Amino acid sequence: MIQKFIAILIFCLIIAECKVKQPTKELGFSCEIVNNIKEKDQYYRIKHSNILSPYFYLLDSLIKVNGFKGGIDQMPAVNTNLLDSIKNQINFLNSTRPKQDKSVLDSIWKLQNDLDYKNVIDLISIISNVGYSNIDTIPEKCGLESFIVFVHTPTELCDTVYSIIEKINLKSFNPNRYRHIMWHLNGRNGMN
């Protein structure tokens, strides 16, 4: 019996050792990888937007109900009077709906925060593999879009992201994205 146990233990240790020694795959740059990262960036935010951001969920829904299929994305096209009416409806609905259980909200945010951390690490890895001086070689459409992930940078990675943003000189080739990211890195106070 003990010999069988020892044999199983040795087998498990060998398997674990093999997994540890496998080289980690370097993340290269591709639009597929960026799209995957961006999808994870919004995964729980979109999936549970009715719980996490009820105001914006309702705003989007009511704009759609009023004939604007793009929802919030079409808000500038919505008549001011209609928009005021929608906002009044939202305020009423928000005041009458039951409050969400804090533990549910916390668990959803924990899941999203874990994804945010991994996304930022992945994007840092991609930028590192491409090289700071070669950042202009990545495809403009999905490459520049990938930097939006830095808007959800966890506190412990802010200094690293700040350094990367400066090294790639994002301010010179995309000042709007730069200001948006810096607004986040600086605590979301005011506009940069």
N, C-alpha and C. Protein backbone atom coordinates (compact mmCIF):
# COMPACT_ATOMS: atom_id res chain seq x y z
N MET A 1 0.82 -1.20 0.00
CA MET A 1 0.00 0.00 0.00
C MET A 1 0.86 1.26 0.00
N ILE A 2 1.89 1.27 0.86
CA ILE A 2 2.77 2.44 0.95
C ILE A 2 3.54 2.60 -0.36
N GLN A 3 3.97 1.48 -0.95
CA GLN A 3 4.71 1.55 -2.21
C GLN A 3 3.85 2.15 -3.31
N LYS A 4 2.59 1.78 -3.33
CA LYS A 4 1.66 2.32 -4.32
C LYS A 4 1.51 3.83 -4.13
N PHE A 5 1.37 4.26 -2.87
CA PHE A 5 1.26 5.68 -2.54
C PHE A 5 2.52 6.44 -2.98
N ILE A 6 3.69 5.89 -2.70
CA ILE A 6 4.96 6.53 -3.07
C ILE A 6 5.08 6.61 -4.58
N ALA A 7 4.69 5.57 -5.29
CA ALA A 7 4.75 5.56 -6.75
C ALA A 7 3.84 6.65 -7.33
N ILE A 8 2.65 6.80 -6.78
CA ILE A 8 1.72 7.83 -7.25
C ILE A 8 2.27 9.21 -6.94
N LEU A 9 2.84 9.38 -5.75
CA LEU A 9 3.43 10.66 -5.37
C LEU A 9 4.58 11.03 -6.30
N ILE A 10 5.46 10.09 -6.60
CA ILE A 10 6.58 10.35 -7.52
C ILE A 10 6.05 10.71 -8.90
N PHE A 11 5.05 9.98 -9.36
CA PHE A 11 4.46 10.26 -10.68
C PHE A 11 3.90 11.69 -10.72
N CYS A 12 3.20 12.08 -9.66
CA CYS A 12 2.63 13.44 -9.60
C CYS A 12 3.74 14.50 -9.59
N LEU A 13 4.80 14.24 -8.84
CA LEU A 13 5.91 15.19 -8.80
C LEU A 13 6.59 15.32 -10.16
N ILE A 14 6.74 14.21 -10.87
CA ILE A 14 7.34 14.26 -12.21
C ILE A 14 6.46 15.08 -13.14
N ILE A 15 5.16 14.86 -13.10
CA ILE A 15 4.22 15.63 -13.94
C ILE A 15 4.31 17.11 -13.60
N ALA A 16 4.30 17.44 -12.31
CA ALA A 16 4.37 18.84 -11.89
C ALA A 16 5.68 19.46 -12.33
N GLU A 17 6.78 18.73 -12.22
CA GLU A 17 8.10 19.24 -12.63
C GLU A 17 8.13 19.52 -14.13
N CYS A 18 7.52 18.65 -14.92
CA CYS A 18 7.48 18.85 -16.38
C CYS A 18 6.71 20.10 -16.73
N LYS A 19 5.61 20.34 -16.04
CA LYS A 19 4.82 21.53 -16.31
C LYS A 19 5.58 22.79 -15.96
N VAL A 20 6.33 22.77 -14.87
CA VAL A 20 7.08 23.95 -14.45
C VAL A 20 8.18 24.27 -15.45
N LYS A 21 8.82 23.25 -16.02
CA LYS A 21 9.96 23.47 -16.91
C LYS A 21 9.56 23.86 -18.32
N GLN A 22 8.30 23.73 -18.66
CA GLN A 22 7.88 24.12 -20.00
C GLN A 22 8.08 25.61 -20.19
N PRO A 23 8.66 26.00 -21.31
CA PRO A 23 8.88 27.43 -21.52
C PRO A 23 7.55 28.16 -21.67
N THR A 24 7.52 29.36 -21.13
CA THR A 24 6.29 30.15 -21.28
C THR A 24 6.29 30.75 -22.68
N LYS A 25 5.16 30.80 -23.27
CA LYS A 25 5.02 31.33 -24.62
C LYS A 25 5.09 32.86 -24.57
N GLU A 26 5.98 33.42 -25.36
CA GLU A 26 6.04 34.88 -25.43
C GLU A 26 4.83 35.39 -26.18
N LEU A 27 4.27 36.45 -25.69
CA LEU A 27 3.13 37.05 -26.37
C LEU A 27 3.64 37.94 -27.49
N GLY A 28 3.33 37.58 -28.69
CA GLY A 28 3.64 38.44 -29.82
C GLY A 28 2.46 39.36 -30.07
N PHE A 29 2.59 40.23 -31.02
CA PHE A 29 1.50 41.15 -31.30
C PHE A 29 0.68 40.65 -32.47
N SER A 30 -0.61 40.61 -32.30
CA SER A 30 -1.54 40.35 -33.39
C SER A 30 -2.87 40.98 -33.01
N CYS A 31 -3.64 41.32 -34.01
CA CYS A 31 -4.96 41.91 -33.72
C CYS A 31 -5.85 40.92 -32.99
N GLU A 32 -5.66 39.63 -33.24
CA GLU A 32 -6.45 38.61 -32.54
C GLU A 32 -6.17 38.65 -31.04
N ILE A 33 -4.89 38.77 -30.68
CA ILE A 33 -4.53 38.84 -29.26
C ILE A 33 -5.10 40.12 -28.64
N VAL A 34 -4.95 41.23 -29.34
CA VAL A 34 -5.46 42.51 -28.82
C VAL A 34 -6.97 42.46 -28.65
N ASN A 35 -7.67 41.92 -29.63
CA ASN A 35 -9.13 41.82 -29.52
C ASN A 35 -9.54 40.94 -28.34
N ASN A 36 -8.78 39.88 -28.09
CA ASN A 36 -9.05 39.01 -26.95
C ASN A 36 -8.85 39.76 -25.64
N ILE A 37 -7.77 40.53 -25.56
CA ILE A 37 -7.49 41.32 -24.35
C ILE A 37 -8.59 42.36 -24.14
N LYS A 38 -8.99 43.05 -25.22
CA LYS A 38 -10.04 44.07 -25.09
C LYS A 38 -11.37 43.45 -24.68
N GLU A 39 -11.65 42.25 -25.18
CA GLU A 39 -12.89 41.57 -24.80
C GLU A 39 -12.88 41.24 -23.30
N LYS A 40 -11.74 40.74 -22.80
CA LYS A 40 -11.62 40.45 -21.37
C LYS A 40 -11.67 41.72 -20.54
N ASP A 41 -11.18 42.83 -21.12
CA ASP A 41 -11.19 44.11 -20.41
C ASP A 41 -12.61 44.53 -20.05
N GLN A 42 -13.57 44.17 -20.87
CA GLN A 42 -14.96 44.57 -20.63
C GLN A 42 -15.86 43.41 -20.21
N TYR A 43 -15.29 42.21 -20.05
CA TYR A 43 -16.10 41.01 -19.87
C TYR A 43 -17.16 41.14 -18.76
N TYR A 44 -16.75 41.33 -17.54
CA TYR A 44 -17.73 41.43 -16.44
C TYR A 44 -18.41 42.78 -16.41
N ARG A 45 -17.72 43.80 -16.91
CA ARG A 45 -18.34 45.13 -16.95
C ARG A 45 -19.58 45.11 -17.85
N ILE A 46 -19.50 44.41 -18.97
CA ILE A 46 -20.65 44.33 -19.89
C ILE A 46 -21.63 43.27 -19.42
N LYS A 47 -21.11 42.10 -19.06
CA LYS A 47 -21.97 40.98 -18.67
C LYS A 47 -22.88 41.35 -17.49
N HIS A 48 -22.36 42.15 -16.58
CA HIS A 48 -23.13 42.52 -15.39
C HIS A 48 -23.34 44.02 -15.28
N SER A 49 -23.44 44.68 -16.43
CA SER A 49 -23.59 46.14 -16.40
C SER A 49 -24.87 46.57 -15.71
N ASN A 50 -25.89 45.75 -15.74
CA ASN A 50 -27.13 46.11 -15.05
C ASN A 50 -26.96 46.14 -13.53
N ILE A 51 -25.95 45.42 -13.03
CA ILE A 51 -25.69 45.41 -11.59
C ILE A 51 -24.59 46.41 -11.26
N LEU A 52 -23.50 46.38 -12.03
CA LEU A 52 -22.33 47.20 -11.72
C LEU A 52 -22.54 48.67 -12.05
N SER A 53 -23.22 48.95 -13.13
CA SER A 53 -23.44 50.33 -13.56
C SER A 53 -24.89 50.50 -14.00
N PRO A 54 -25.84 50.43 -13.06
CA PRO A 54 -27.24 50.47 -13.47
C PRO A 54 -27.61 51.74 -14.23
N TYR A 55 -27.02 52.87 -13.88
CA TYR A 55 -27.35 54.12 -14.57
C TYR A 55 -27.04 54.01 -16.05
N PHE A 56 -25.82 53.57 -16.38
CA PHE A 56 -25.42 53.50 -17.78
C PHE A 56 -26.12 52.37 -18.52
N TYR A 57 -26.43 51.29 -17.81
CA TYR A 57 -27.19 50.20 -18.40
C TYR A 57 -28.58 50.70 -18.80
N LEU A 58 -29.23 51.40 -17.89
CA LEU A 58 -30.56 51.95 -18.18
C LEU A 58 -30.50 53.02 -19.27
N LEU A 59 -29.50 53.88 -19.20
CA LEU A 59 -29.34 54.92 -20.23
C LEU A 59 -29.21 54.29 -21.60
N ASP A 60 -28.35 53.30 -21.72
CA ASP A 60 -28.16 52.60 -22.99
C ASP A 60 -29.47 51.96 -23.46
N SER A 61 -30.15 51.27 -22.55
CA SER A 61 -31.40 50.58 -22.88
C SER A 61 -32.49 51.55 -23.33
N LEU A 62 -32.66 52.65 -22.60
CA LEU A 62 -33.73 53.60 -22.92
C LEU A 62 -33.43 54.37 -24.22
N ILE A 63 -32.18 54.63 -24.49
CA ILE A 63 -31.84 55.28 -25.77
C ILE A 63 -32.18 54.32 -26.91
N LYS A 64 -31.89 53.05 -26.74
CA LYS A 64 -32.21 52.04 -27.76
C LYS A 64 -33.72 51.94 -27.96
N VAL A 65 -34.47 51.93 -26.86
CA VAL A 65 -35.93 51.84 -26.94
C VAL A 65 -36.51 53.02 -27.71
N ASN A 66 -35.84 54.15 -27.65
CA ASN A 66 -36.31 55.36 -28.34
C ASN A 66 -35.78 55.48 -29.76
N GLY A 67 -35.36 54.37 -30.35
CA GLY A 67 -35.03 54.33 -31.77
C GLY A 67 -33.57 54.52 -32.13
N PHE A 68 -32.68 54.58 -31.17
CA PHE A 68 -31.25 54.74 -31.46
C PHE A 68 -30.56 53.41 -31.17
N LYS A 69 -30.42 52.58 -32.19
CA LYS A 69 -29.94 51.21 -32.02
C LYS A 69 -28.54 51.13 -31.40
N GLY A 70 -27.75 52.19 -31.56
CA GLY A 70 -26.40 52.21 -31.01
C GLY A 70 -26.37 52.52 -29.53
N GLY A 71 -27.52 52.83 -28.94
CA GLY A 71 -27.59 53.12 -27.50
C GLY A 71 -26.73 54.31 -27.11
N ILE A 72 -25.96 54.15 -26.06
CA ILE A 72 -25.13 55.21 -25.51
C ILE A 72 -24.18 55.80 -26.56
N ASP A 73 -23.73 54.97 -27.49
CA ASP A 73 -22.82 55.46 -28.53
C ASP A 73 -23.46 56.53 -29.41
N GLN A 74 -24.78 56.54 -29.46
CA GLN A 74 -25.49 57.52 -30.28
C GLN A 74 -26.06 58.67 -29.43
N MET A 75 -25.66 58.77 -28.19
CA MET A 75 -26.20 59.78 -27.29
C MET A 75 -26.10 61.21 -27.84
N PRO A 76 -25.01 61.59 -28.51
CA PRO A 76 -24.94 62.96 -29.04
C PRO A 76 -26.05 63.27 -30.06
N ALA A 77 -26.60 62.24 -30.69
CA ALA A 77 -27.64 62.45 -31.69
C ALA A 77 -29.05 62.55 -31.08
N VAL A 78 -29.16 62.26 -29.79
CA VAL A 78 -30.47 62.27 -29.13
C VAL A 78 -30.86 63.71 -28.79
N ASN A 79 -32.10 64.05 -29.12
CA ASN A 79 -32.67 65.36 -28.82
C ASN A 79 -32.54 65.65 -27.33
N THR A 80 -32.18 66.89 -26.99
CA THR A 80 -31.95 67.29 -25.60
C THR A 80 -33.17 67.03 -24.73
N ASN A 81 -34.38 67.34 -25.22
CA ASN A 81 -35.59 67.10 -24.42
C ASN A 81 -35.81 65.61 -24.16
N LEU A 82 -35.57 64.80 -25.19
CA LEU A 82 -35.72 63.35 -25.03
C LEU A 82 -34.68 62.83 -24.05
N LEU A 83 -33.46 63.33 -24.16
CA LEU A 83 -32.39 62.89 -23.25
C LEU A 83 -32.71 63.27 -21.81
N ASP A 84 -33.26 64.48 -21.60
CA ASP A 84 -33.67 64.88 -20.25
C ASP A 84 -34.77 63.97 -19.71
N SER A 85 -35.71 63.61 -20.57
CA SER A 85 -36.80 62.71 -20.17
C SER A 85 -36.24 61.33 -19.80
N ILE A 86 -35.31 60.84 -20.60
CA ILE A 86 -34.69 59.54 -20.32
C ILE A 86 -33.95 59.58 -18.99
N LYS A 87 -33.22 60.66 -18.74
CA LYS A 87 -32.47 60.78 -17.49
C LYS A 87 -33.42 60.82 -16.29
N ASN A 88 -34.56 61.48 -16.43
CA ASN A 88 -35.56 61.50 -15.35
C ASN A 88 -36.11 60.10 -15.09
N GLN A 89 -36.35 59.35 -16.17
CA GLN A 89 -36.82 57.96 -16.02
C GLN A 89 -35.78 57.12 -15.30
N ILE A 90 -34.52 57.31 -15.66
CA ILE A 90 -33.44 56.55 -15.03
C ILE A 90 -33.37 56.86 -13.54
N ASN A 91 -33.43 58.13 -13.21
CA ASN A 91 -33.37 58.51 -11.79
C ASN A 91 -34.51 57.89 -11.01
N PHE A 92 -35.71 57.88 -11.60
CA PHE A 92 -36.86 57.26 -10.94
C PHE A 92 -36.63 55.76 -10.79
N LEU A 93 -36.24 55.09 -11.86
CA LEU A 93 -36.02 53.64 -11.81
C LEU A 93 -34.92 53.27 -10.81
N ASN A 94 -33.85 54.04 -10.80
CA ASN A 94 -32.76 53.76 -9.86
C ASN A 94 -33.20 53.95 -8.41
N SER A 95 -34.07 54.92 -8.18
CA SER A 95 -34.52 55.17 -6.80
C SER A 95 -35.48 54.09 -6.29
N THR A 96 -36.13 53.37 -7.20
CA THR A 96 -37.11 52.36 -6.79
C THR A 96 -36.57 50.93 -6.84
N ARG A 97 -35.44 50.73 -7.48
CA ARG A 97 -34.95 49.35 -7.58
C ARG A 97 -34.22 48.95 -6.31
N PRO A 98 -34.31 47.68 -5.95
CA PRO A 98 -33.63 47.22 -4.74
C PRO A 98 -32.10 47.32 -4.91
N LYS A 99 -31.43 47.59 -3.81
CA LYS A 99 -29.97 47.67 -3.84
C LYS A 99 -29.38 46.27 -3.97
N GLN A 100 -28.28 46.17 -4.70
CA GLN A 100 -27.61 44.89 -4.88
C GLN A 100 -26.84 44.51 -3.62
N ASP A 101 -26.76 43.23 -3.39
CA ASP A 101 -25.99 42.71 -2.27
C ASP A 101 -24.51 43.05 -2.49
N LYS A 102 -23.90 43.66 -1.49
CA LYS A 102 -22.50 44.09 -1.60
C LYS A 102 -21.57 42.93 -1.90
N SER A 103 -21.84 41.75 -1.36
CA SER A 103 -20.95 40.60 -1.61
C SER A 103 -21.01 40.17 -3.07
N VAL A 104 -22.16 40.33 -3.71
CA VAL A 104 -22.28 40.01 -5.14
C VAL A 104 -21.45 40.99 -5.95
N LEU A 105 -21.61 42.28 -5.64
CA LEU A 105 -20.84 43.31 -6.35
C LEU A 105 -19.34 43.10 -6.15
N ASP A 106 -18.94 42.84 -4.91
CA ASP A 106 -17.52 42.64 -4.62
C ASP A 106 -16.95 41.45 -5.37
N SER A 107 -17.71 40.36 -5.45
CA SER A 107 -17.20 39.17 -6.13
C SER A 107 -17.09 39.39 -7.64
N ILE A 108 -18.04 40.12 -8.22
CA ILE A 108 -17.96 40.42 -9.65
C ILE A 108 -16.76 41.32 -9.92
N TRP A 109 -16.56 42.36 -9.09
CA TRP A 109 -15.42 43.26 -9.28
C TRP A 109 -14.10 42.53 -9.06
N LYS A 110 -14.07 41.57 -8.14
CA LYS A 110 -12.86 40.78 -7.92
C LYS A 110 -12.50 40.02 -9.19
N LEU A 111 -13.48 39.41 -9.81
CA LEU A 111 -13.24 38.68 -11.06
C LEU A 111 -12.74 39.62 -12.15
N GLN A 112 -13.37 40.79 -12.28
CA GLN A 112 -12.94 41.74 -13.31
C GLN A 112 -11.55 42.30 -13.00
N ASN A 113 -11.29 42.58 -11.73
CA ASN A 113 -9.97 43.10 -11.36
C ASN A 113 -8.87 42.10 -11.66
N ASP A 114 -9.16 40.81 -11.46
CA ASP A 114 -8.18 39.77 -11.81
C ASP A 114 -7.90 39.77 -13.31
N LEU A 115 -8.96 39.91 -14.11
CA LEU A 115 -8.78 40.00 -15.56
C LEU A 115 -8.00 41.26 -15.94
N ASP A 116 -8.32 42.38 -15.30
CA ASP A 116 -7.61 43.64 -15.59
C ASP A 116 -6.12 43.48 -15.33
N TYR A 117 -5.77 42.85 -14.22
CA TYR A 117 -4.36 42.66 -13.88
C TYR A 117 -3.67 41.84 -14.98
N LYS A 118 -4.30 40.73 -15.35
CA LYS A 118 -3.71 39.86 -16.39
C LYS A 118 -3.61 40.60 -17.73
N ASN A 119 -4.63 41.36 -18.08
CA ASN A 119 -4.61 42.10 -19.35
C ASN A 119 -3.45 43.09 -19.39
N VAL A 120 -3.25 43.82 -18.30
CA VAL A 120 -2.18 44.82 -18.27
C VAL A 120 -0.83 44.11 -18.37
N ILE A 121 -0.66 43.02 -17.65
CA ILE A 121 0.59 42.25 -17.73
C ILE A 121 0.80 41.75 -19.15
N ASP A 122 -0.25 41.23 -19.79
CA ASP A 122 -0.13 40.75 -21.17
C ASP A 122 0.25 41.88 -22.12
N LEU A 123 -0.37 43.04 -21.96
CA LEU A 123 -0.05 44.16 -22.85
C LEU A 123 1.38 44.65 -22.62
N ILE A 124 1.81 44.67 -21.37
CA ILE A 124 3.20 45.04 -21.07
C ILE A 124 4.14 44.07 -21.77
N SER A 125 3.82 42.78 -21.71
CA SER A 125 4.64 41.75 -22.35
C SER A 125 4.69 41.94 -23.86
N ILE A 126 3.54 42.23 -24.45
CA ILE A 126 3.48 42.45 -25.90
C ILE A 126 4.35 43.65 -26.28
N ILE A 127 4.20 44.74 -25.56
CA ILE A 127 4.98 45.95 -25.87
C ILE A 127 6.47 45.67 -25.70
N SER A 128 6.81 44.95 -24.67
CA SER A 128 8.21 44.60 -24.43
C SER A 128 8.76 43.75 -25.57
N ASN A 129 7.95 42.78 -26.04
CA ASN A 129 8.40 41.91 -27.14
C ASN A 129 8.51 42.66 -28.46
N VAL A 130 7.61 43.60 -28.70
CA VAL A 130 7.67 44.41 -29.93
C VAL A 130 8.87 45.35 -29.85
N GLY A 131 9.12 45.85 -28.66
CA GLY A 131 10.22 46.80 -28.44
C GLY A 131 9.68 48.21 -28.42
N TYR A 132 10.14 48.98 -27.44
CA TYR A 132 9.64 50.34 -27.27
C TYR A 132 9.87 51.20 -28.50
N SER A 133 11.01 51.03 -29.13
CA SER A 133 11.32 51.87 -30.30
C SER A 133 10.59 51.40 -31.55
N ASN A 134 10.01 50.20 -31.51
CA ASN A 134 9.29 49.67 -32.68
C ASN A 134 7.78 49.77 -32.53
N ILE A 135 7.33 50.50 -31.55
CA ILE A 135 5.89 50.54 -31.26
C ILE A 135 5.10 51.05 -32.46
N ASP A 136 5.73 51.87 -33.29
CA ASP A 136 5.03 52.39 -34.47
C ASP A 136 4.89 51.36 -35.58
N THR A 137 5.44 50.14 -35.38
CA THR A 137 5.31 49.10 -36.40
C THR A 137 4.07 48.23 -36.19
N ILE A 138 3.40 48.38 -35.05
CA ILE A 138 2.21 47.58 -34.82
C ILE A 138 1.05 48.18 -35.63
N PRO A 139 0.14 47.34 -36.09
CA PRO A 139 -0.97 47.85 -36.89
C PRO A 139 -1.74 48.95 -36.15
N GLU A 140 -1.97 50.06 -36.84
CA GLU A 140 -2.56 51.22 -36.18
C GLU A 140 -3.93 50.92 -35.57
N LYS A 141 -4.81 50.28 -36.31
CA LYS A 141 -6.18 50.08 -35.84
C LYS A 141 -6.22 49.34 -34.51
N CYS A 142 -5.76 48.10 -34.50
CA CYS A 142 -5.88 47.34 -33.25
C CYS A 142 -4.75 47.65 -32.29
N GLY A 143 -3.61 48.08 -32.79
CA GLY A 143 -2.48 48.39 -31.93
C GLY A 143 -2.76 49.55 -31.01
N LEU A 144 -3.23 50.64 -31.56
CA LEU A 144 -3.54 51.80 -30.75
C LEU A 144 -4.73 51.55 -29.84
N GLU A 145 -5.67 50.74 -30.32
CA GLU A 145 -6.83 50.40 -29.48
C GLU A 145 -6.41 49.62 -28.24
N SER A 146 -5.32 48.86 -28.35
CA SER A 146 -4.91 48.01 -27.23
C SER A 146 -4.55 48.83 -25.99
N PHE A 147 -4.10 50.07 -26.17
CA PHE A 147 -3.69 50.88 -25.03
C PHE A 147 -4.84 51.22 -24.09
N ILE A 148 -6.08 51.06 -24.54
CA ILE A 148 -7.23 51.35 -23.68
C ILE A 148 -7.21 50.47 -22.43
N VAL A 149 -6.59 49.30 -22.53
CA VAL A 149 -6.48 48.39 -21.39
C VAL A 149 -5.79 49.08 -20.21
N PHE A 150 -4.88 50.01 -20.49
CA PHE A 150 -4.16 50.69 -19.42
C PHE A 150 -5.07 51.59 -18.58
N VAL A 151 -6.28 51.87 -19.05
CA VAL A 151 -7.22 52.67 -18.28
C VAL A 151 -7.73 51.90 -17.05
N HIS A 152 -7.54 50.59 -17.06
CA HIS A 152 -7.95 49.77 -15.92
C HIS A 152 -6.74 49.16 -15.22
N THR A 153 -5.63 49.87 -15.23
CA THR A 153 -4.40 49.40 -14.59
C THR A 153 -4.57 49.33 -13.07
N PRO A 154 -4.27 48.17 -12.49
CA PRO A 154 -4.29 48.07 -11.02
C PRO A 154 -3.22 48.98 -10.41
N THR A 155 -3.47 49.44 -9.22
CA THR A 155 -2.58 50.37 -8.53
C THR A 155 -1.14 49.89 -8.51
N GLU A 156 -0.93 48.60 -8.25
CA GLU A 156 0.43 48.08 -8.12
C GLU A 156 1.20 48.07 -9.44
N LEU A 157 0.52 48.28 -10.56
CA LEU A 157 1.20 48.31 -11.86
C LEU A 157 1.28 49.72 -12.46
N CYS A 158 0.74 50.72 -11.75
CA CYS A 158 0.69 52.08 -12.30
C CYS A 158 2.07 52.63 -12.65
N ASP A 159 3.05 52.45 -11.78
CA ASP A 159 4.39 52.97 -12.06
C ASP A 159 4.99 52.33 -13.31
N THR A 160 4.79 51.03 -13.46
CA THR A 160 5.30 50.31 -14.64
C THR A 160 4.63 50.83 -15.90
N VAL A 161 3.31 50.98 -15.87
CA VAL A 161 2.58 51.47 -17.04
C VAL A 161 2.98 52.91 -17.36
N TYR A 162 3.12 53.72 -16.33
CA TYR A 162 3.55 55.11 -16.55
C TYR A 162 4.90 55.12 -17.28
N SER A 163 5.82 54.30 -16.84
CA SER A 163 7.14 54.21 -17.45
C SER A 163 7.04 53.78 -18.92
N ILE A 164 6.20 52.81 -19.19
CA ILE A 164 6.02 52.32 -20.57
C ILE A 164 5.42 53.41 -21.45
N ILE A 165 4.41 54.09 -20.94
CA ILE A 165 3.76 55.16 -21.70
C ILE A 165 4.78 56.24 -22.08
N GLU A 166 5.69 56.54 -21.16
CA GLU A 166 6.73 57.53 -21.44
C GLU A 166 7.75 56.98 -22.43
N LYS A 167 8.15 55.70 -22.27
CA LYS A 167 9.16 55.09 -23.16
C LYS A 167 8.68 55.02 -24.60
N ILE A 168 7.40 54.70 -24.78
CA ILE A 168 6.90 54.60 -26.16
C ILE A 168 6.48 55.96 -26.70
N ASN A 169 6.51 56.96 -25.83
CA ASN A 169 6.15 58.33 -26.21
C ASN A 169 4.73 58.40 -26.80
N LEU A 170 3.80 57.77 -26.08
CA LEU A 170 2.41 57.74 -26.53
C LEU A 170 1.84 59.14 -26.73
N LYS A 171 2.28 60.07 -25.92
CA LYS A 171 1.76 61.44 -26.00
C LYS A 171 1.97 62.04 -27.40
N SER A 172 3.08 61.69 -28.04
CA SER A 172 3.39 62.28 -29.35
C SER A 172 2.54 61.70 -30.48
N PHE A 173 2.18 60.41 -30.39
CA PHE A 173 1.42 59.85 -31.52
C PHE A 173 -0.04 59.58 -31.22
N ASN A 174 -0.47 59.71 -29.97
CA ASN A 174 -1.89 59.59 -29.66
C ASN A 174 -2.19 60.37 -28.38
N PRO A 175 -2.22 61.72 -28.50
CA PRO A 175 -2.39 62.55 -27.30
C PRO A 175 -3.70 62.31 -26.55
N ASN A 176 -4.77 61.98 -27.25
CA ASN A 176 -6.05 61.73 -26.56
C ASN A 176 -5.99 60.46 -25.72
N ARG A 177 -5.43 59.39 -26.28
CA ARG A 177 -5.29 58.15 -25.52
C ARG A 177 -4.34 58.38 -24.33
N TYR A 178 -3.27 59.14 -24.57
CA TYR A 178 -2.32 59.46 -23.52
C TYR A 178 -3.02 60.17 -22.36
N ARG A 179 -3.82 61.20 -22.66
CA ARG A 179 -4.53 61.93 -21.60
C ARG A 179 -5.50 61.02 -20.84
N HIS A 180 -6.18 60.14 -21.57
CA HIS A 180 -7.13 59.23 -20.94
C HIS A 180 -6.41 58.29 -19.98
N ILE A 181 -5.31 57.72 -20.41
CA ILE A 181 -4.56 56.80 -19.56
C ILE A 181 -3.96 57.54 -18.37
N MET A 182 -3.41 58.72 -18.62
CA MET A 182 -2.80 59.48 -17.53
C MET A 182 -3.86 59.91 -16.50
N TRP A 183 -5.06 60.20 -16.97
CA TRP A 183 -6.16 60.53 -16.06
C TRP A 183 -6.36 59.37 -15.09
N HIS A 184 -6.33 58.14 -15.62
CA HIS A 184 -6.50 56.97 -14.75
C HIS A 184 -5.30 56.81 -13.81
N LEU A 185 -4.10 56.87 -14.37
CA LEU A 185 -2.89 56.64 -13.56
C LEU A 185 -2.75 57.68 -12.46
N ASN A 186 -3.30 58.88 -12.69
CA ASN A 186 -3.23 59.95 -11.70
C ASN A 186 -4.44 59.99 -10.78
N GLY A 187 -5.16 58.89 -10.70
CA GLY A 187 -6.25 58.78 -9.74
C GLY A 187 -7.59 59.26 -10.22
N ARG A 188 -7.75 59.47 -11.52
CA ARG A 188 -9.02 59.87 -12.13
C ARG A 188 -9.54 61.19 -11.56
N ASN A 189 -8.63 62.06 -11.23
CA ASN A 189 -8.98 63.40 -10.73
C ASN A 189 -8.78 64.42 -11.83
N GLY A 190 -9.83 65.14 -12.17
CA GLY A 190 -9.72 66.19 -13.19
C GLY A 190 -9.34 65.60 -14.53
N MET A 191 -8.97 66.45 -15.43
CA MET A 191 -8.56 66.02 -16.76
C MET A 191 -7.10 66.40 -16.99
N ASN A 192 -6.36 65.52 -17.66
CA ASN A 192 -4.96 65.81 -17.99
C ASN A 192 -4.84 66.21 -19.43
